[in-house]
C-alpha atoms as a PDB file:
ATOM      1  CA  MET A   1      49.585 110.111 171.686  1.00  0.00           C
ATOM      2  CA  ASP A   2      49.348 111.882 175.026  1.00  0.00           C
ATOM      3  CA  GLY A   3      52.130 111.869 177.601  1.00  0.00           C
ATOM      4  CA  LYS A   4      50.323 110.444 180.614  1.00  0.00           C
ATOM      5  CA  ASN A   5      51.954 106.987 180.682  1.00  0.00           C
ATOM      6  CA  ARG A   6      55.610 106.816 181.724  1.00  0.00           C
ATOM      7  CA  LYS A   7      56.226 103.676 179.633  1.00  0.00           C
ATOM      8  CA  ASP A   8      55.600 105.670 176.417  1.00  0.00           C
ATOM      9  CA  ILE A   9      58.306 108.270 177.160  1.00  0.00           C
ATOM     10  CA  TYR A  10      62.074 107.797 177.017  1.00  0.00           C
ATOM     11  CA  PRO A  11      65.227 109.915 176.549  1.00  0.00           C
ATOM     12  CA  GLY A  12      65.736 110.996 172.932  1.00  0.00           C
ATOM     13  CA  LEU A  13      62.001 111.161 172.179  1.00  0.00           C
ATOM     14  CA  GLU A  14      60.609 114.336 170.555  1.00  0.00           C
ATOM     15  CA  VAL A  15      57.703 115.740 172.577  1.00  0.00           C
ATOM     16  CA  ASP A  16      55.574 118.841 173.093  1.00  0.00           C
ATOM     17  CA  ILE A  17      55.515 119.975 176.729  1.00  0.00           C
ATOM     18  CA  ILE A  18      53.649 122.614 178.712  1.00  0.00           C
ATOM     19  CA  LEU A  19      55.976 124.717 180.842  1.00  0.00           C
ATOM     20  CA  LYS A  20      54.778 125.853 184.286  1.00  0.00           C
ATOM     21  CA  LYS A  21      54.575 129.477 183.092  1.00  0.00           C
ATOM     22  CA  ASP A  22      52.449 128.420 180.085  1.00  0.00           C
ATOM     23  CA  GLN A  23      49.846 126.353 181.981  1.00  0.00           C
ATOM     24  CA  ARG A  24      47.175 129.056 181.675  1.00  0.00           C
ATOM     25  CA  SER A  25      47.729 129.733 177.979  1.00  0.00           C
ATOM     26  CA  GLY A  26      48.388 126.112 177.041  1.00  0.00           C
ATOM     27  CA  GLN A  27      51.323 127.120 174.821  1.00  0.00           C
ATOM     28  CA  LEU A  28      53.416 124.102 173.837  1.00  0.00           C
ATOM     29  CA  THR A  29      57.204 123.883 173.703  1.00  0.00           C
ATOM     30  CA  ARG A  30      58.807 121.247 171.471  1.00  0.00           C
ATOM     31  CA  GLY A  31      62.014 119.477 172.402  1.00  0.00           C
ATOM     32  CA  ILE A  32      63.910 116.238 172.958  1.00  0.00           C
ATOM     33  CA  VAL A  33      63.567 114.414 176.301  1.00  0.00           C
ATOM     34  CA  ALA A  34      66.798 114.331 178.323  1.00  0.00           C
ATOM     35  CA  ASN A  35      65.350 112.599 181.404  1.00  0.00           C
ATOM     36  CA  LEU A  36      62.083 111.764 183.141  1.00  0.00           C
ATOM     37  CA  LEU A  37      61.290 113.487 186.442  1.00  0.00           C
ATOM     38  CA  THR A  38      57.984 111.753 187.343  1.00  0.00           C
ATOM     39  CA  SER A  39      58.566 108.391 189.008  1.00  0.00           C
ATOM     40  CA  SER A  40      54.975 107.081 188.942  1.00  0.00           C
ATOM     41  CA  ALA A  41      53.760 104.993 185.988  1.00  0.00           C
ATOM     42  CA  TYR A  42      50.865 107.377 185.223  1.00  0.00           C
ATOM     43  CA  HIS A  43      50.100 111.045 185.819  1.00  0.00           C
ATOM     44  CA  SER A  44      46.762 112.653 184.880  1.00  0.00           C
ATOM     45  CA  ARG A  45      48.330 115.972 183.766  1.00  0.00           C
ATOM     46  CA  GLY A  46      51.296 114.407 181.974  1.00  0.00           C
ATOM     47  CA  ILE A  47      54.680 112.975 182.880  1.00  0.00           C
ATOM     48  CA  LYS A  48      57.165 115.684 183.924  1.00  0.00           C
ATOM     49  CA  VAL A  49      60.379 115.699 181.892  1.00  0.00           C
ATOM     50  CA  ARG A  50      63.534 117.762 181.407  1.00  0.00           C
ATOM     51  CA  LEU A  51      64.375 118.596 177.805  1.00  0.00           C
ATOM     52  CA  GLU A  52      67.922 118.569 176.414  1.00  0.00           C
ATOM     53  CA  ASP A  53      67.957 122.389 176.586  1.00  0.00           C
ATOM     54  CA  GLY A  54      67.152 122.273 180.334  1.00  0.00           C
ATOM     55  CA  GLN A  55      63.477 123.300 180.241  1.00  0.00           C
ATOM     56  CA  VAL A  56      61.124 121.346 182.528  1.00  0.00           C
ATOM     57  CA  GLY A  57      57.450 120.684 181.881  1.00  0.00           C
ATOM     58  CA  ARG A  58      54.710 118.091 181.541  1.00  0.00           C
ATOM     59  CA  VAL A  59      54.339 116.119 178.308  1.00  0.00           C
ATOM     60  CA  ALA A  60      51.226 117.194 176.400  1.00  0.00           C
ATOM     61  CA  GLU A  61      51.888 115.193 173.227  1.00  0.00           C
ATOM     62  CA  ILE A  62      54.400 112.777 171.785  1.00  0.00           C
ATOM     63  CA  VAL A  63      55.470 113.916 168.310  1.00  0.00           C
ATOM     64  CA  GLU A  64      54.844 111.197 165.726  1.00  0.00           C
ATOM     65  CA  ASP A  65      57.138 110.939 162.708  1.00  0.00           C
END
């Protein structure tokens, strides 16, 4: 599942994000969502989140168990 809809993302969810510095390479960083930074219900490039370790990026994928 992609991370473009805010309703699909919540604190505690495991996600893959793209950090600002990795936008060109597309390298993903995996982590647990601490809080959501995008206030709109939808964003075409992914909802921006802060991970529990403090990194900020846009959700590329939601990790399915």
